[in-house]
Amino acid sequence: MFFDEPTSGLDSFMAMSIVDCMKSLTEKGKTIVCTIHQPSSEIFEKFDQLYLLAEGRLAFFGPLNEAKYFFQKYASFFYYYPFNISKKFIII
């Protein structure tokens, strides 16, 4: 299933409800692909895989838990600031 910005325009409670619903579908074996624009940290952490684009090009693809270490290694601004993934991706 593909969802194009399913949380846009929703309050935080409803956005989390939508993401929880999508997550429950993945636990039942469904594949979910979606675009999310500036997710909260709580919503962002619900995802298993990250496909991050920067200026239309692939910046990172892999398990969400590896993104922090990837950007600490290859992007110096992650070294100097506390890690809040939803805010830092705006910089890219």
PDB file of N, CA and C in Angstrom:
ATOM      1  N   MET A   1       0.830  -1.155   0.000  1.00  0.00           N
ATOM      2  CA  MET A   1       0.000   0.000   0.000  1.00  0.00           C
ATOM      3  C   MET A   1       0.887   1.233   0.000  1.00  0.00           C
ATOM      4  N   PHE A   2       0.449   2.265  -0.708  1.00  0.00           N
ATOM      5  CA  PHE A   2       1.187   3.525  -0.745  1.00  0.00           C
ATOM      6  C   PHE A   2       0.321   4.636  -0.180  1.00  0.00           C
ATOM      7  N   PHE A   3       0.900   5.400   0.744  1.00  0.00           N
ATOM      8  CA  PHE A   3       0.220   6.545   1.339  1.00  0.00           C
ATOM      9  C   PHE A   3       1.061   7.793   1.092  1.00  0.00           C
ATOM     10  N   ASP A   4       0.460   8.798   0.500  1.00  0.00           N
ATOM     11  CA  ASP A   4       1.155  10.053   0.225  1.00  0.00           C
ATOM     12  C   ASP A   4       0.795  11.060   1.311  1.00  0.00           C
ATOM     13  N   GLU A   5       1.730  11.308   2.208  1.00  0.00           N
ATOM     14  CA  GLU A   5       1.576  12.228   3.335  1.00  0.00           C
ATOM     15  C   GLU A   5       0.268  12.003   4.101  1.00  0.00           C
ATOM     16  N   PRO A   6       0.087  10.799   4.659  1.00  0.00           N
ATOM     17  CA  PRO A   6      -1.168  10.482   5.341  1.00  0.00           C
ATOM     18  C   PRO A   6      -1.422  11.284   6.618  1.00  0.00           C
ATOM     19  N   THR A   7      -0.391  11.937   7.153  1.00  0.00           N
ATOM     20  CA  THR A   7      -0.574  12.677   8.402  1.00  0.00           C
ATOM     21  C   THR A   7      -0.680  14.187   8.187  1.00  0.00           C
ATOM     22  N   SER A   8      -0.543  14.649   6.950  1.00  0.00           N
ATOM     23  CA  SER A   8      -0.595  16.093   6.688  1.00  0.00           C
ATOM     24  C   SER A   8      -1.956  16.665   7.064  1.00  0.00           C
ATOM     25  N   GLY A   9      -1.929  17.770   7.791  1.00  0.00           N
ATOM     26  CA  GLY A   9      -3.149  18.452   8.189  1.00  0.00           C
ATOM     27  C   GLY A   9      -3.831  17.875   9.413  1.00  0.00           C
ATOM     28  N   LEU A  10      -3.267  16.829   9.995  1.00  0.00           N
ATOM     29  CA  LEU A  10      -3.886  16.201  11.168  1.00  0.00           C
ATOM     30  C   LEU A  10      -3.231  16.695  12.452  1.00  0.00           C
ATOM     31  N   ASP A  11      -3.984  16.670  13.540  1.00  0.00           N
ATOM     32  CA  ASP A  11      -3.372  16.975  14.828  1.00  0.00           C
ATOM     33  C   ASP A  11      -2.498  15.790  15.240  1.00  0.00           C
ATOM     34  N   SER A  12      -1.710  15.966  16.282  1.00  0.00           N
ATOM     35  CA  SER A  12      -0.737  14.937  16.659  1.00  0.00           C
ATOM     36  C   SER A  12      -1.404  13.624  17.059  1.00  0.00           C
ATOM     37  N   PHE A  13      -2.548  13.683  17.715  1.00  0.00           N
ATOM     38  CA  PHE A  13      -3.237  12.456  18.115  1.00  0.00           C
ATOM     39  C   PHE A  13      -3.694  11.666  16.896  1.00  0.00           C
ATOM     40  N   MET A  14      -4.338  12.336  15.958  1.00  0.00           N
ATOM     41  CA  MET A  14      -4.838  11.645  14.765  1.00  0.00           C
ATOM     42  C   MET A  14      -3.684  11.150  13.890  1.00  0.00           C
ATOM     43  N   ALA A  15      -2.612  11.952  13.796  1.00  0.00           N
ATOM     44  CA  ALA A  15      -1.449  11.530  13.019  1.00  0.00           C
ATOM     45  C   ALA A  15      -0.856  10.244  13.598  1.00  0.00           C
ATOM     46  N   MET A  16      -0.746  10.186  14.914  1.00  0.00           N
ATOM     47  CA  MET A  16      -0.212   8.986  15.560  1.00  0.00           C
ATOM     48  C   MET A  16      -1.153   7.811  15.348  1.00  0.00           C
ATOM     49  N   SER A  17      -2.451   8.052  15.380  1.00  0.00           N
ATOM     50  CA  SER A  17      -3.426   6.979  15.150  1.00  0.00           C
ATOM     51  C   SER A  17      -3.274   6.386  13.752  1.00  0.00           C
ATOM     52  N   ILE A  18      -3.075   7.234  12.765  1.00  0.00           N
ATOM     53  CA  ILE A  18      -2.885   6.768  11.384  1.00  0.00           C
ATOM     54  C   ILE A  18      -1.613   5.933  11.279  1.00  0.00           C
ATOM     55  N   VAL A  19      -0.535   6.427  11.865  1.00  0.00           N
ATOM     56  CA  VAL A  19       0.739   5.702  11.806  1.00  0.00           C
ATOM     57  C   VAL A  19       0.637   4.378  12.569  1.00  0.00           C
ATOM     58  N   ASP A  20      -0.037   4.372  13.697  1.00  0.00           N
ATOM     59  CA  ASP A  20      -0.241   3.118  14.434  1.00  0.00           C
ATOM     60  C   ASP A  20      -1.031   2.113  13.598  1.00  0.00           C
ATOM     61  N   CYS A  21      -2.023   2.594  12.872  1.00  0.00           N
ATOM     62  CA  CYS A  21      -2.808   1.727  11.993  1.00  0.00           C
ATOM     63  C   CYS A  21      -1.924   1.147  10.884  1.00  0.00           C
ATOM     64  N   MET A  22      -1.092   1.996  10.277  1.00  0.00           N
ATOM     65  CA  MET A  22      -0.183   1.507   9.229  1.00  0.00           C
ATOM     66  C   MET A  22       0.791   0.488   9.806  1.00  0.00           C
ATOM     67  N   LYS A  23       1.286   0.754  11.009  1.00  0.00           N
ATOM     68  CA  LYS A  23       2.227  -0.164  11.663  1.00  0.00           C
ATOM     69  C   LYS A  23       1.565  -1.514  11.927  1.00  0.00           C
ATOM     70  N   SER A  24       0.302  -1.499  12.342  1.00  0.00           N
ATOM     71  CA  SER A  24      -0.397  -2.764  12.602  1.00  0.00           C
ATOM     72  C   SER A  24      -0.580  -3.562  11.312  1.00  0.00           C
ATOM     73  N   LEU A  25      -0.752  -2.870  10.196  1.00  0.00           N
ATOM     74  CA  LEU A  25      -0.841  -3.568   8.909  1.00  0.00           C
ATOM     75  C   LEU A  25       0.479  -4.252   8.547  1.00  0.00           C
ATOM     76  N   THR A  26       1.607  -3.594   8.862  1.00  0.00           N
ATOM     77  CA  THR A  26       2.907  -4.219   8.571  1.00  0.00           C
ATOM     78  C   THR A  26       3.121  -5.453   9.433  1.00  0.00           C
ATOM     79  N   GLU A  27       2.597  -5.416  10.646  1.00  0.00           N
ATOM     80  CA  GLU A  27       2.731  -6.572  11.539  1.00  0.00           C
ATOM     81  C   GLU A  27       1.891  -7.754  11.064  1.00  0.00           C
ATOM     82  N   LYS A  28       0.953  -7.486  10.171  1.00  0.00           N
ATOM     83  CA  LYS A  28       0.136  -8.549   9.572  1.00  0.00           C
ATOM     84  C   LYS A  28       0.665  -8.965   8.206  1.00  0.00           C
ATOM     85  N   GLY A  29       1.882  -8.507   7.883  1.00  0.00           N
ATOM     86  CA  GLY A  29       2.525  -8.931   6.649  1.00  0.00           C
ATOM     87  C   GLY A  29       2.338  -8.012   5.455  1.00  0.00           C
ATOM     88  N   LYS A  30       1.669  -6.890   5.628  1.00  0.00           N
ATOM     89  CA  LYS A  30       1.458  -5.949   4.527  1.00  0.00           C
ATOM     90  C   LYS A  30       2.679  -5.054   4.374  1.00  0.00           C
ATOM     91  N   THR A  31       2.956  -4.653   3.154  1.00  0.00           N
ATOM     92  CA  THR A  31       4.031  -3.708   2.885  1.00  0.00           C
ATOM     93  C   THR A  31       3.417  -2.323   2.764  1.00  0.00           C
ATOM     94  N   ILE A  32       3.963  -1.378   3.507  1.00  0.00           N
ATOM     95  CA  ILE A  32       3.493   0.004   3.486  1.00  0.00           C
ATOM     96  C   ILE A  32       4.641   0.892   3.036  1.00  0.00           C
ATOM     97  N   VAL A  33       4.372   1.727   2.061  1.00  0.00           N
ATOM     98  CA  VAL A  33       5.313   2.751   1.614  1.00  0.00           C
ATOM     99  C   VAL A  33       4.577   4.074   1.759  1.00  0.00           C
ATOM    100  N   CYS A  34       5.220   5.047   2.383  1.00  0.00           N
ATOM    101  CA  CYS A  34       4.547   6.339   2.512  1.00  0.00           C
ATOM    102  C   CYS A  34       5.561   7.472   2.524  1.00  0.00           C
ATOM    103  N   THR A  35       5.068   8.645   2.182  1.00  0.00           N
ATOM    104  CA  THR A  35       5.866   9.857   2.303  1.00  0.00           C
ATOM    105  C   THR A  35       5.390  10.579   3.551  1.00  0.00           C
ATOM    106  N   ILE A  36       6.326  11.088   4.312  1.00  0.00           N
ATOM    107  CA  ILE A  36       6.002  11.835   5.529  1.00  0.00           C
ATOM    108  C   ILE A  36       6.827  13.115   5.510  1.00  0.00           C
ATOM    109  N   HIS A  37       6.166  14.236   5.677  1.00  0.00           N
ATOM    110  CA  HIS A  37       6.843  15.531   5.678  1.00  0.00           C
ATOM    111  C   HIS A  37       6.948  16.030   7.109  1.00  0.00           C
ATOM    112  N   GLN A  38       8.151  16.223   7.590  1.00  0.00           N
ATOM    113  CA  GLN A  38       8.455  16.709   8.929  1.00  0.00           C
ATOM    114  C   GLN A  38       7.679  15.976  10.029  1.00  0.00           C
ATOM    115  N   PRO A  39       7.918  14.685  10.170  1.00  0.00           N
ATOM    116  CA  PRO A  39       7.214  13.939  11.225  1.00  0.00           C
ATOM    117  C   PRO A  39       7.730  14.316  12.613  1.00  0.00           C
ATOM    118  N   SER A  40       6.889  14.154  13.604  1.00  0.00           N
ATOM    119  CA  SER A  40       7.361  14.317  14.981  1.00  0.00           C
ATOM    120  C   SER A  40       8.343  13.179  15.268  1.00  0.00           C
ATOM    121  N   SER A  41       9.139  13.342  16.296  1.00  0.00           N
ATOM    122  CA  SER A  41      10.093  12.285  16.668  1.00  0.00           C
ATOM    123  C   SER A  41       9.370  10.995  17.011  1.00  0.00           C
ATOM    124  N   GLU A  42       8.223  11.113  17.683  1.00  0.00           N
ATOM    125  CA  GLU A  42       7.461   9.928  18.076  1.00  0.00           C
ATOM    126  C   GLU A  42       6.959   9.157  16.848  1.00  0.00           C
ATOM    127  N   ILE A  43       6.472   9.872  15.864  1.00  0.00           N
ATOM    128  CA  ILE A  43       5.995   9.219  14.637  1.00  0.00           C
ATOM    129  C   ILE A  43       7.167   8.657  13.859  1.00  0.00           C
ATOM    130  N   PHE A  44       8.235   9.430  13.761  1.00  0.00           N
ATOM    131  CA  PHE A  44       9.404   8.989  13.000  1.00  0.00           C
ATOM    132  C   PHE A  44       9.947   7.666  13.527  1.00  0.00           C
ATOM    133  N   GLU A  45       9.954   7.494  14.828  1.00  0.00           N
ATOM    134  CA  GLU A  45      10.497   6.284  15.440  1.00  0.00           C
ATOM    135  C   GLU A  45       9.650   5.039  15.178  1.00  0.00           C
ATOM    136  N   LYS A  46       8.448   5.210  14.673  1.00  0.00           N
ATOM    137  CA  LYS A  46       7.575   4.070  14.363  1.00  0.00           C
ATOM    138  C   LYS A  46       7.992   3.350  13.077  1.00  0.00           C
ATOM    139  N   PHE A  47       8.774   4.005  12.247  1.00  0.00           N
ATOM    140  CA  PHE A  47       9.135   3.436  10.953  1.00  0.00           C
ATOM    141  C   PHE A  47      10.305   2.462  11.072  1.00  0.00           C
ATOM    142  N   ASP A  48      10.302   1.443  10.215  1.00  0.00           N
ATOM    143  CA  ASP A  48      11.357   0.434  10.217  1.00  0.00           C
ATOM    144  C   ASP A  48      12.496   0.796   9.278  1.00  0.00           C
ATOM    145  N   GLN A  49      12.156   1.299   8.102  1.00  0.00           N
ATOM    146  CA  GLN A  49      13.131   1.626   7.073  1.00  0.00           C
ATOM    147  C   GLN A  49      13.006   3.103   6.702  1.00  0.00           C
ATOM    148  N   LEU A  50      14.131   3.707   6.344  1.00  0.00           N
ATOM    149  CA  LEU A  50      14.149   5.108   5.937  1.00  0.00           C
ATOM    150  C   LEU A  50      14.748   5.210   4.543  1.00  0.00           C
ATOM    151  N   TYR A  51      14.033   5.875   3.674  1.00  0.00           N
ATOM    152  CA  TYR A  51      14.531   6.223   2.337  1.00  0.00           C
ATOM    153  C   TYR A  51      14.490   7.739   2.296  1.00  0.00           C
ATOM    154  N   LEU A  52      15.637   8.368   2.519  1.00  0.00           N
ATOM    155  CA  LEU A  52      15.718   9.815   2.653  1.00  0.00           C
ATOM    156  C   LEU A  52      16.288  10.434   1.385  1.00  0.00           C
ATOM    157  N   LEU A  53      15.562  11.400   0.853  1.00  0.00           N
ATOM    158  CA  LEU A  53      16.016  12.132  -0.327  1.00  0.00           C
ATOM    159  C   LEU A  53      16.479  13.515   0.085  1.00  0.00           C
ATOM    160  N   ALA A  54      17.521  13.991  -0.559  1.00  0.00           N
ATOM    161  CA  ALA A  54      18.009  15.356  -0.372  1.00  0.00           C
ATOM    162  C   ALA A  54      18.274  15.918  -1.757  1.00  0.00           C
ATOM    163  N   GLU A  55      17.588  16.990  -2.091  1.00  0.00           N
ATOM    164  CA  GLU A  55      17.703  17.604  -3.408  1.00  0.00           C
ATOM    165  C   GLU A  55      17.429  16.590  -4.519  1.00  0.00           C
ATOM    166  N   GLY A  56      16.448  15.719  -4.277  1.00  0.00           N
ATOM    167  CA  GLY A  56      16.046  14.749  -5.287  1.00  0.00           C
ATOM    168  C   GLY A  56      16.953  13.539  -5.431  1.00  0.00           C
ATOM    169  N   ARG A  57      17.945  13.427  -4.589  1.00  0.00           N
ATOM    170  CA  ARG A  57      18.884  12.307  -4.665  1.00  0.00           C
ATOM    171  C   ARG A  57      18.852  11.513  -3.369  1.00  0.00           C
ATOM    172  N   LEU A  58      19.196  10.242  -3.472  1.00  0.00           N
ATOM    173  CA  LEU A  58      19.215   9.372  -2.298  1.00  0.00           C
ATOM    174  C   LEU A  58      20.305   9.822  -1.334  1.00  0.00           C
ATOM    175  N   ALA A  59      19.898  10.113  -0.088  1.00  0.00           N
ATOM    176  CA  ALA A  59      20.852  10.497   0.953  1.00  0.00           C
ATOM    177  C   ALA A  59      21.096   9.339   1.923  1.00  0.00           C
ATOM    178  N   PHE A  60      20.070   8.530   2.159  1.00  0.00           N
ATOM    179  CA  PHE A  60      20.207   7.379   3.041  1.00  0.00           C
ATOM    180  C   PHE A  60      19.083   6.402   2.754  1.00  0.00           C
ATOM    181  N   PHE A  61      19.416   5.116   2.779  1.00  0.00           N
ATOM    182  CA  PHE A  61      18.410   4.067   2.732  1.00  0.00           C
ATOM    183  C   PHE A  61      18.866   2.945   3.636  1.00  0.00           C
ATOM    184  N   GLY A  62      18.018   2.572   4.573  1.00  0.00           N
ATOM    185  CA  GLY A  62      18.360   1.475   5.462  1.00  0.00           C
ATOM    186  C   GLY A  62      17.477   1.473   6.695  1.00  0.00           C
ATOM    187  N   PRO A  63      17.810   0.599   7.630  1.00  0.00           N
ATOM    188  CA  PRO A  63      17.042   0.531   8.870  1.00  0.00           C
ATOM    189  C   PRO A  63      17.103   1.858   9.625  1.00  0.00           C
ATOM    190  N   LEU A  64      16.005   2.236  10.193  1.00  0.00           N
ATOM    191  CA  LEU A  64      15.925   3.509  10.900  1.00  0.00           C
ATOM    192  C   LEU A  64      16.972   3.614  11.995  1.00  0.00           C
ATOM    193  N   ASN A  65      17.207   2.520  12.706  1.00  0.00           N
ATOM    194  CA  ASN A  65      18.164   2.566  13.825  1.00  0.00           C
ATOM    195  C   ASN A  65      19.602   2.761  13.362  1.00  0.00           C
ATOM    196  N   GLU A  66      19.889   2.632  12.072  1.00  0.00           N
ATOM    197  CA  GLU A  66      21.244   2.866  11.554  1.00  0.00           C
ATOM    198  C   GLU A  66      21.428   4.279  11.015  1.00  0.00           C
ATOM    199  N   ALA A  67      20.357   5.027  10.862  1.00  0.00           N
ATOM    200  CA  ALA A  67      20.443   6.374  10.296  1.00  0.00           C
ATOM    201  C   ALA A  67      21.295   7.300  11.159  1.00  0.00           C
ATOM    202  N   LYS A  68      21.094   7.244  12.469  1.00  0.00           N
ATOM    203  CA  LYS A  68      21.855   8.114  13.370  1.00  0.00           C
ATOM    204  C   LYS A  68      23.359   7.892  13.202  1.00  0.00           C
ATOM    205  N   TYR A  69      23.781   6.649  13.171  1.00  0.00           N
ATOM    206  CA  TYR A  69      25.210   6.345  13.073  1.00  0.00           C
ATOM    207  C   TYR A  69      25.763   6.708  11.698  1.00  0.00           C
ATOM    208  N   PHE A  70      24.953   6.524  10.669  1.00  0.00           N
ATOM    209  CA  PHE A  70      25.360   6.903   9.311  1.00  0.00           C
ATOM    210  C   PHE A  70      25.630   8.398   9.244  1.00  0.00           C
ATOM    211  N   PHE A  71      24.704   9.206   9.755  1.00  0.00           N
ATOM    212  CA  PHE A  71      24.875  10.649   9.669  1.00  0.00           C
ATOM    213  C   PHE A  71      25.916  11.180  10.637  1.00  0.00           C
ATOM    214  N   GLN A  72      26.134  10.515  11.748  1.00  0.00           N
ATOM    215  CA  GLN A  72      27.228  10.916  12.626  1.00  0.00           C
ATOM    216  C   GLN A  72      28.566  10.692  11.928  1.00  0.00           C
ATOM    217  N   LYS A  73      28.655   9.658  11.131  1.00  0.00           N
ATOM    218  CA  LYS A  73      29.894   9.332  10.437  1.00  0.00           C
ATOM    219  C   LYS A  73      30.116  10.220   9.217  1.00  0.00           C
ATOM    220  N   TYR A  74      29.050  10.506   8.456  1.00  0.00           N
ATOM    221  CA  TYR A  74      29.212  11.182   7.170  1.00  0.00           C
ATOM    222  C   TYR A  74      28.727  12.625   7.129  1.00  0.00           C
ATOM    223  N   ALA A  75      28.052  13.092   8.153  1.00  0.00           N
ATOM    224  CA  ALA A  75      27.554  14.471   8.170  1.00  0.00           C
ATOM    225  C   ALA A  75      27.996  15.130   9.467  1.00  0.00           C
ATOM    226  N   SER A  76      28.913  16.069   9.375  1.00  0.00           N
ATOM    227  CA  SER A  76      29.538  16.638  10.568  1.00  0.00           C
ATOM    228  C   SER A  76      28.569  17.376  11.462  1.00  0.00           C
ATOM    229  N   PHE A  77      27.456  17.920  10.948  1.00  0.00           N
ATOM    230  CA  PHE A  77      26.560  18.672  11.824  1.00  0.00           C
ATOM    231  C   PHE A  77      25.880  17.789  12.854  1.00  0.00           C
ATOM    232  N   PHE A  78      25.826  16.480  12.649  1.00  0.00           N
ATOM    233  CA  PHE A  78      25.261  15.595  13.654  1.00  0.00           C
ATOM    234  C   PHE A  78      26.221  15.407  14.826  1.00  0.00           C
ATOM    235  N   TYR A  79      27.482  15.639  14.600  1.00  0.00           N
ATOM    236  CA  TYR A  79      28.461  15.483  15.659  1.00  0.00           C
ATOM    237  C   TYR A  79      28.344  16.606  16.685  1.00  0.00           C
ATOM    238  N   TYR A  80      28.000  17.808  16.236  1.00  0.00           N
ATOM    239  CA  TYR A  80      28.006  18.965  17.118  1.00  0.00           C
ATOM    240  C   TYR A  80      26.687  19.230  17.829  1.00  0.00           C
ATOM    241  N   TYR A  81      25.606  18.644  17.361  1.00  0.00           N
ATOM    242  CA  TYR A  81      24.292  18.933  17.922  1.00  0.00           C
ATOM    243  C   TYR A  81      23.671  17.669  18.495  1.00  0.00           C
ATOM    244  N   PRO A  82      22.833  17.834  19.518  1.00  0.00           N
ATOM    245  CA  PRO A  82      22.098  16.656  20.018  1.00  0.00           C
ATOM    246  C   PRO A  82      21.250  16.079  18.894  1.00  0.00           C
ATOM    247  N   PHE A  83      21.088  14.803  18.903  1.00  0.00           N
ATOM    248  CA  PHE A  83      20.406  14.137  17.795  1.00  0.00           C
ATOM    249  C   PHE A  83      18.895  14.225  17.953  1.00  0.00           C
ATOM    250  N   ASN A  84      18.257  14.997  17.090  1.00  0.00           N
ATOM    251  CA  ASN A  84      16.797  15.022  16.958  1.00  0.00           C
ATOM    252  C   ASN A  84      16.537  14.900  15.470  1.00  0.00           C
ATOM    253  N   ILE A  85      16.286  13.702  15.026  1.00  0.00           N
ATOM    254  CA  ILE A  85      16.279  13.385  13.606  1.00  0.00           C
ATOM    255  C   ILE A  85      15.270  14.203  12.804  1.00  0.00           C
ATOM    256  N   SER A  86      14.113  14.499  13.361  1.00  0.00           N
ATOM    257  CA  SER A  86      13.104  15.218  12.588  1.00  0.00           C
ATOM    258  C   SER A  86      13.524  16.661  12.328  1.00  0.00           C
ATOM    259  N   LYS A  87      14.304  17.257  13.205  1.00  0.00           N
ATOM    260  CA  LYS A  87      14.760  18.626  12.981  1.00  0.00           C
ATOM    261  C   LYS A  87      15.986  18.671  12.059  1.00  0.00           C
ATOM    262  N   LYS A  88      16.880  17.714  12.181  1.00  0.00           N
ATOM    263  CA  LYS A  88      18.113  17.757  11.416  1.00  0.00           C
ATOM    264  C   LYS A  88      17.892  17.484   9.931  1.00  0.00           C
ATOM    265  N   PHE A  89      16.894  16.678   9.586  1.00  0.00           N
ATOM    266  CA  PHE A  89      16.683  16.386   8.175  1.00  0.00           C
ATOM    267  C   PHE A  89      16.212  17.595   7.400  1.00  0.00           C
ATOM    268  N   ILE A  90      15.702  18.612   8.084  1.00  0.00           N
ATOM    269  CA  ILE A  90      15.314  19.837   7.412  1.00  0.00           C
ATOM    270  C   ILE A  90      16.550  20.530   6.859  1.00  0.00           C
ATOM    271  N   ILE A  91      17.695  20.385   7.518  1.00  0.00           N
ATOM    272  CA  ILE A  91      18.939  21.038   7.113  1.00  0.00           C
ATOM    273  C   ILE A  91      19.471  20.488   5.797  1.00  0.00           C
ATOM    274  N   ILE A  92      19.258  19.199   5.552  1.00  0.00           N
ATOM    275  CA  ILE A  92      19.868  18.542   4.391  1.00  0.00           C
ATOM    276  C   ILE A  92      19.381  19.122   3.087  1.00  0.00           C
TER     277      ILE A  92
END
